[in-house]
Amino acid sequence: MTENNKLQIWTEKYRPKTLEEVVDQKHVVDRLKAWAKEGSIPHLIFAGGAGVGKTTAAICLARELFGEHWRENFQETNASEARGIDVIRGRIKDFAMTKPISAEFKIIFLDESDSLTPEAQQALRRTMEKFSRVCRFILSCNYSSKLISPIQSRCSVFRFKNMNRENVEEYMSMIAKGEGLKISKDSIDAIYEISEGDLRKATNLLQAAAATGSVTKEGIYEVASQAKPEDVKDMINLALSGKFEDARKRLQDMLINQGLSGQDIVRNLHREIFNLGVPDQDKIKLITHLGETEFRLNSGGSDDVQIESFLAQVALAGKK
């Protein structure tokens, strides 16, 4: 492996180059392929969570529409960095006004467009109307409902779904093969649990864990700064069995020795509660208490005090 290859970011190195290579999202890709073949597209909205292929699909579409001139006819702007009306009146409008190069139109890809202020969205609507003959907009967002109705009505909306375990396993295996890495199923399962179907996060986790030369489940949790499920499960089971002091020691180990935040532990607790061997009524009460714990942590409460308070509720549920 050359030095340049070692320095490459894997999210870019292994980013799909064509629509055919886009992971899953068949319901979106099939329609985009048809438009690419026709040589024209409407304004589009790509809605979905992080790391599910929205930006990749837009770039692949531009590549297939414009060929070698795709960079000249494609502009990517992140709306979360400049949310106000000035970015619409300035950079976006200036690009929309320029003539396409060896093409009928250009594409403006506006990432996190749901971050735009209402005033900026109104200006965007007018820009979309004025330059629709020579410019198409692809608006990427987490929630299309945050876009004003006049923009939604001018676009075809595509909803990207989160990647399932099979998608993540296949993609991680492909990268591991390309990098000459050995990766176990336990490691892939850990990556999936932490990334929650976000391929970008999964790829970054794999690259960080592979820095030592080998990829292990423990290494994945270490670079992710996440609590191991078995540690959280043991802590809950200790509290359920009445061993509150032991559960408290396990919590201190995660907070102090492993350097985890209270929020990280709360997220893992939320997952594990549903696997507890207690009646559903008790699970409902524990989820309610956990919600209060998270609220107090967000309000500035102490990690150890608030989670110990929750463990006390778990211990009380175990006595019934």
Protein backbone atom coordinates (compact mmCIF):
# COMPACT_ATOMS: atom_id res chain seq x y z
CA MET A 1 0.00 0.00 0.00
CA THR A 2 1.42 3.40 -0.97
CA GLU A 3 1.74 6.30 1.45
CA ASN A 4 -0.97 8.23 -0.41
CA ASN A 5 -3.39 5.32 -0.06
CA LYS A 6 -2.69 5.14 3.68
CA LEU A 7 -3.59 8.81 4.05
CA GLN A 8 -6.86 8.53 2.14
CA ILE A 9 -10.16 8.89 3.98
CA TRP A 10 -12.03 5.67 3.39
CA THR A 11 -15.43 7.35 3.15
CA GLU A 12 -14.17 9.07 0.00
CA LYS A 13 -11.94 6.26 -1.25
CA TYR A 14 -14.82 3.77 -1.27
CA ARG A 15 -17.63 6.17 -2.15
CA PRO A 16 -19.67 4.71 -5.05
CA LYS A 17 -18.91 6.30 -8.43
CA THR A 18 -22.07 5.23 -10.29
CA LEU A 19 -25.73 4.83 -9.41
CA GLU A 20 -25.32 1.09 -9.92
CA GLU A 21 -22.83 0.99 -7.00
CA VAL A 22 -25.06 2.89 -4.54
CA VAL A 23 -25.76 0.65 -1.54
CA ASP A 24 -29.43 -0.38 -1.32
CA GLN A 25 -31.97 2.47 -1.90
CA LYS A 26 -33.28 0.62 -4.98
CA HIS A 27 -36.55 2.59 -4.87
CA VAL A 28 -34.52 5.78 -5.38
CA VAL A 29 -31.78 4.51 -7.69
CA ASP A 30 -34.14 2.99 -10.27
CA ARG A 31 -35.92 6.33 -10.79
CA LEU A 32 -32.64 8.28 -10.94
CA LYS A 33 -31.25 5.87 -13.54
CA ALA A 34 -34.31 6.43 -15.73
CA TRP A 35 -33.91 10.21 -15.50
CA ALA A 36 -30.18 9.98 -16.19
CA LYS A 37 -30.98 7.99 -19.33
CA GLU A 38 -33.49 10.65 -20.42
CA GLY A 39 -30.90 13.37 -19.73
CA SER A 40 -33.18 15.52 -17.58
CA ILE A 41 -34.37 15.67 -13.97
CA PRO A 42 -36.89 17.71 -11.95
CA HIS A 43 -36.02 19.47 -8.71
CA LEU A 44 -35.47 16.79 -6.05
CA ILE A 45 -35.65 16.40 -2.29
CA PHE A 46 -33.54 13.65 -0.70
CA ALA A 47 -34.81 13.04 2.84
CA GLY A 48 -33.27 10.66 5.36
CA GLY A 49 -30.78 10.24 8.18
CA ALA A 50 -27.02 10.69 8.08
CA GLY A 51 -24.83 8.30 6.12
CA VAL A 52 -27.57 6.67 4.04
CA GLY A 53 -26.33 7.81 0.60
CA LYS A 54 -28.04 11.13 -0.15
CA THR A 55 -24.88 13.02 -1.15
CA THR A 56 -23.47 9.97 -2.93
CA ALA A 57 -26.64 9.53 -4.99
CA ALA A 58 -26.55 13.20 -6.02
CA ILE A 59 -22.89 13.02 -7.09
CA CYS A 60 -23.43 9.75 -8.99
CA LEU A 61 -26.43 11.29 -10.75
CA ALA A 62 -24.31 14.31 -11.78
CA ARG A 63 -21.56 12.02 -13.05
CA GLU A 64 -24.00 10.10 -15.23
CA LEU A 65 -25.72 13.23 -16.53
CA PHE A 66 -22.65 15.37 -17.26
CA GLY A 67 -19.81 12.89 -17.74
CA GLU A 68 -16.34 14.48 -17.58
CA HIS A 69 -17.88 17.95 -17.03
CA TRP A 70 -19.78 16.97 -13.88
CA ARG A 71 -17.61 19.03 -11.54
CA GLU A 72 -18.15 22.23 -13.56
CA ASN A 73 -21.91 21.68 -13.57
CA PHE A 74 -22.36 20.58 -9.95
CA GLN A 75 -22.17 22.74 -6.84
CA GLU A 76 -22.44 21.39 -3.31
CA THR A 77 -23.32 23.76 -0.48
CA ASN A 78 -23.94 22.91 3.17
CA ALA A 79 -26.87 24.96 4.41
CA SER A 80 -26.02 24.35 8.08
CA GLU A 81 -22.83 26.42 7.66
CA ALA A 82 -24.67 29.42 6.18
CA ARG A 83 -28.35 29.34 7.09
CA GLY A 84 -29.34 32.87 6.17
CA ILE A 85 -30.72 34.56 3.10
CA ASP A 86 -27.28 35.86 2.04
CA VAL A 87 -26.06 32.42 0.92
CA ILE A 88 -29.11 32.12 -1.37
CA ARG A 89 -28.70 35.62 -2.80
CA GLY A 90 -24.95 35.21 -3.12
CA ARG A 91 -23.21 31.93 -3.86
CA ILE A 92 -26.25 29.91 -4.96
CA LYS A 93 -27.77 32.61 -7.16
CA ASP A 94 -24.38 33.40 -8.74
CA PHE A 95 -23.85 29.75 -9.69
CA ALA A 96 -27.43 29.42 -10.98
CA MET A 97 -26.93 32.42 -13.27
CA THR A 98 -23.85 31.06 -15.04
CA LYS A 99 -24.17 29.07 -18.25
CA PRO A 100 -23.86 25.26 -18.07
CA ILE A 101 -20.77 23.70 -19.68
CA SER A 102 -21.61 21.17 -22.42
CA ALA A 103 -25.01 20.51 -20.82
CA GLU A 104 -28.59 21.78 -20.83
CA PHE A 105 -28.61 22.54 -17.10
CA LYS A 106 -26.55 22.46 -13.90
CA ILE A 107 -27.24 20.94 -10.48
CA ILE A 108 -27.06 22.71 -7.13
CA PHE A 109 -26.92 20.24 -4.25
CA LEU A 110 -27.97 21.91 -1.01
CA ASP A 111 -27.07 19.69 1.94
CA GLU A 112 -28.96 20.01 5.24
CA SER A 113 -31.43 22.32 3.52
CA ASP A 114 -33.87 21.96 6.43
CA SER A 115 -31.43 24.15 8.40
CA LEU A 116 -32.29 27.19 6.24
CA THR A 117 -34.27 29.95 7.89
CA PRO A 118 -37.84 30.56 6.61
CA GLU A 119 -36.66 33.76 4.89
CA ALA A 120 -33.84 31.89 3.15
CA GLN A 121 -36.28 29.21 2.02
CA GLN A 122 -38.54 31.85 0.48
CA ALA A 123 -35.54 33.29 -1.39
CA LEU A 124 -34.62 29.77 -2.50
CA ARG A 125 -38.13 29.23 -3.85
CA ARG A 126 -37.85 32.37 -5.98
CA THR A 127 -34.40 31.32 -7.23
CA MET A 128 -35.72 27.88 -8.16
CA GLU A 129 -38.52 29.50 -10.17
CA LYS A 130 -36.33 32.06 -11.92
CA PHE A 131 -33.52 29.72 -13.04
CA SER A 132 -35.41 26.44 -13.53
CA ARG A 133 -34.56 26.44 -17.25
CA VAL A 134 -30.80 26.17 -16.67
CA CYS A 135 -30.53 24.87 -13.10
CA ARG A 136 -31.93 21.99 -11.05
CA PHE A 137 -31.87 21.81 -7.28
CA ILE A 138 -31.35 18.72 -5.15
CA LEU A 139 -32.23 19.50 -1.54
CA SER A 140 -30.87 17.08 1.03
CA CYS A 141 -32.46 17.08 4.48
CA ASN A 142 -33.22 14.96 7.51
CA TYR A 143 -36.86 16.02 7.63
CA SER A 144 -38.65 17.21 4.50
CA SER A 145 -41.48 18.55 6.70
CA LYS A 146 -39.14 21.38 7.78
CA LEU A 147 -39.10 22.72 4.22
CA ILE A 148 -41.85 25.19 3.32
CA SER A 149 -44.77 23.86 1.28
CA PRO A 150 -43.99 25.91 -1.89
CA ILE A 151 -40.57 24.21 -2.10
CA GLN A 152 -41.95 20.73 -1.42
CA SER A 153 -44.59 21.16 -4.15
CA ARG A 154 -41.89 22.00 -6.72
CA CYS A 155 -39.82 18.87 -6.02
CA SER A 156 -40.02 15.12 -6.32
CA VAL A 157 -39.40 13.71 -2.84
CA PHE A 158 -37.31 10.59 -2.20
CA ARG A 159 -36.97 9.10 1.26
CA PHE A 160 -33.73 7.23 1.99
CA LYS A 161 -33.94 4.42 4.52
CA ASN A 162 -31.29 3.46 7.07
CA MET A 163 -28.98 0.61 6.13
CA ASN A 164 -29.79 -2.80 7.60
CA ARG A 165 -27.27 -5.18 9.13
CA GLU A 166 -26.75 -7.01 5.84
CA ASN A 167 -25.94 -3.77 3.99
CA VAL A 168 -23.39 -2.72 6.63
CA GLU A 169 -21.79 -6.18 6.76
CA GLU A 170 -21.43 -6.31 2.97
CA TYR A 171 -19.94 -2.80 2.79
CA MET A 172 -17.51 -3.38 5.68
CA SER A 173 -16.40 -6.67 4.14
CA MET A 174 -15.79 -4.93 0.81
CA ILE A 175 -13.59 -2.30 2.47
CA ALA A 176 -11.75 -4.91 4.55
CA LYS A 177 -10.98 -6.86 1.38
CA GLY A 178 -9.75 -3.71 -0.36
CA GLU A 179 -7.48 -2.85 2.56
CA GLY A 180 -6.29 -6.41 3.23
CA LEU A 181 -7.87 -6.50 6.70
CA LYS A 182 -9.25 -9.42 8.66
CA ILE A 183 -12.51 -8.54 10.35
CA SER A 184 -14.64 -10.86 12.48
CA LYS A 185 -18.43 -11.00 12.55
CA ASP A 186 -18.34 -9.74 16.16
CA SER A 187 -16.49 -6.63 14.98
CA ILE A 188 -19.00 -6.00 12.20
CA ASP A 189 -21.87 -6.49 14.64
CA ALA A 190 -20.27 -3.93 16.97
CA ILE A 191 -19.87 -1.46 14.09
CA TYR A 192 -23.52 -1.92 13.14
CA GLU A 193 -24.75 -1.46 16.72
CA ILE A 194 -22.79 1.77 17.12
CA SER A 195 -23.41 3.22 13.66
CA GLU A 196 -27.14 2.34 13.65
CA GLY A 197 -27.17 2.01 9.87
CA ASP A 198 -25.04 5.12 9.17
CA LEU A 199 -22.52 3.90 6.56
CA ARG A 200 -20.32 6.99 6.87
CA LYS A 201 -20.00 6.51 10.62
CA ALA A 202 -19.44 2.78 10.13
CA THR A 203 -16.63 3.41 7.64
CA ASN A 204 -14.93 5.95 9.89
CA LEU A 205 -15.14 3.50 12.82
CA LEU A 206 -13.53 0.77 10.74
CA GLN A 207 -10.70 3.04 9.59
CA ALA A 208 -10.01 4.27 13.12
CA ALA A 209 -10.04 0.74 14.54
CA ALA A 210 -7.78 -0.51 11.73
CA ALA A 211 -5.07 2.03 12.59
CA THR A 212 -3.44 -0.51 14.94
CA GLY A 213 -3.29 -3.13 12.19
CA SER A 214 -6.10 -5.37 13.44
CA VAL A 215 -9.83 -4.86 13.94
CA THR A 216 -11.37 -6.24 17.14
CA LYS A 217 -14.70 -5.78 18.87
CA GLU A 218 -12.95 -4.17 21.85
CA GLY A 219 -11.06 -1.82 19.54
CA ILE A 220 -14.31 -0.75 17.86
CA TYR A 221 -15.90 0.25 21.18
CA GLU A 222 -12.69 1.95 22.29
CA VAL A 223 -12.38 4.24 19.24
CA ALA A 224 -16.13 4.93 19.32
CA SER A 225 -15.97 5.87 23.03
CA GLN A 226 -19.09 3.78 23.53
CA ALA A 227 -20.10 1.51 26.39
CA LYS A 228 -19.88 -2.20 25.66
CA PRO A 229 -23.36 -3.78 25.69
CA GLU A 230 -22.19 -6.54 28.02
CA ASP A 231 -20.94 -3.97 30.59
CA VAL A 232 -24.27 -2.15 30.57
CA LYS A 233 -26.17 -5.43 30.74
CA ASP A 234 -24.08 -6.61 33.71
CA MET A 235 -24.66 -3.31 35.51
CA ILE A 236 -28.44 -3.59 35.09
CA ASN A 237 -28.51 -7.24 36.13
CA LEU A 238 -26.48 -6.46 39.26
CA ALA A 239 -28.97 -3.75 40.20
CA LEU A 240 -31.93 -6.06 39.46
CA SER A 241 -30.48 -8.76 41.70
CA GLY A 242 -30.16 -6.30 44.58
CA LYS A 243 -26.39 -5.82 44.32
CA PHE A 244 -26.63 -2.05 44.13
CA GLU A 245 -23.08 -1.37 45.33
CA ASP A 246 -21.63 -3.69 42.66
CA ALA A 247 -23.77 -2.00 40.01
CA ARG A 248 -22.52 1.37 41.23
CA LYS A 249 -18.89 0.19 40.98
CA ARG A 250 -19.52 -0.96 37.40
CA LEU A 251 -20.94 2.49 36.61
CA GLN A 252 -17.88 4.21 38.10
CA ASP A 253 -15.61 1.99 36.01
CA MET A 254 -17.39 3.09 32.82
CA LEU A 255 -17.41 6.77 33.77
CA ILE A 256 -13.88 7.07 35.18
CA ASN A 257 -11.71 4.25 33.80
CA GLN A 258 -13.33 4.03 30.36
CA GLY A 259 -13.98 7.79 30.14
CA LEU A 260 -17.56 7.42 28.89
CA SER A 261 -20.14 10.18 29.15
CA GLY A 262 -23.45 9.82 30.93
CA GLN A 263 -25.30 10.32 27.65
CA ASP A 264 -23.46 7.39 26.06
CA ILE A 265 -24.43 5.14 28.95
CA VAL A 266 -28.06 6.32 28.87
CA ARG A 267 -28.36 5.43 25.17
CA ASN A 268 -27.07 1.92 25.89
CA LEU A 269 -29.35 1.58 28.89
CA HIS A 270 -32.30 2.39 26.66
CA ARG A 271 -31.41 -0.54 24.39
CA GLU A 272 -30.86 -3.00 27.21
CA ILE A 273 -34.06 -2.26 29.15
CA PHE A 274 -36.12 -4.03 26.50
CA ASN A 275 -34.07 -7.21 27.04
CA LEU A 276 -34.66 -7.34 30.80
CA GLY A 277 -36.52 -10.26 32.31
CA VAL A 278 -39.06 -8.08 34.10
CA PRO A 279 -42.78 -7.49 33.41
CA ASP A 280 -43.67 -4.95 30.70
CA GLN A 281 -45.23 -2.70 33.34
CA ASP A 282 -41.83 -2.41 35.05
CA LYS A 283 -40.12 -1.74 31.71
CA ILE A 284 -42.53 1.15 31.13
CA LYS A 285 -41.66 2.62 34.51
CA LEU A 286 -37.91 2.21 33.88
CA ILE A 287 -38.15 3.90 30.47
CA THR A 288 -40.00 6.78 32.15
CA HIS A 289 -37.26 7.09 34.79
CA LEU A 290 -34.56 6.87 32.11
CA GLY A 291 -36.23 9.69 30.20
CA GLU A 292 -36.13 11.82 33.35
CA THR A 293 -32.47 10.89 33.82
CA GLU A 294 -31.61 12.00 30.29
CA PHE A 295 -33.50 15.28 30.79
CA ARG A 296 -31.58 16.00 33.99
CA LEU A 297 -28.27 15.21 32.32
CA ASN A 298 -29.12 17.62 29.50
CA SER A 299 -30.02 20.22 32.13
CA GLY A 300 -26.54 19.97 33.67
CA GLY A 301 -27.02 17.19 36.20
CA SER A 302 -24.07 15.09 37.38
CA ASP A 303 -23.51 11.90 35.38
CA ASP A 304 -22.85 9.63 38.36
CA VAL A 305 -25.62 10.99 40.60
CA GLN A 306 -28.32 10.84 37.93
CA ILE A 307 -27.47 7.36 36.63
CA GLU A 308 -27.10 6.03 40.19
CA SER A 309 -30.61 7.37 40.83
CA PHE A 310 -31.81 5.38 37.82
CA LEU A 311 -30.01 2.23 39.03
CA ALA A 312 -31.84 2.63 42.35
CA GLN A 313 -35.13 2.47 40.43
CA VAL A 314 -33.90 -0.68 38.66
CA ALA A 315 -33.05 -2.24 42.03
CA LEU A 316 -36.53 -1.43 43.35
CA ALA A 317 -38.09 -3.04 40.24
CA GLY A 318 -36.03 -6.17 40.86
CA LYS A 319 -37.38 -6.61 44.40
CA LYS A 320 -40.98 -6.91 43.19
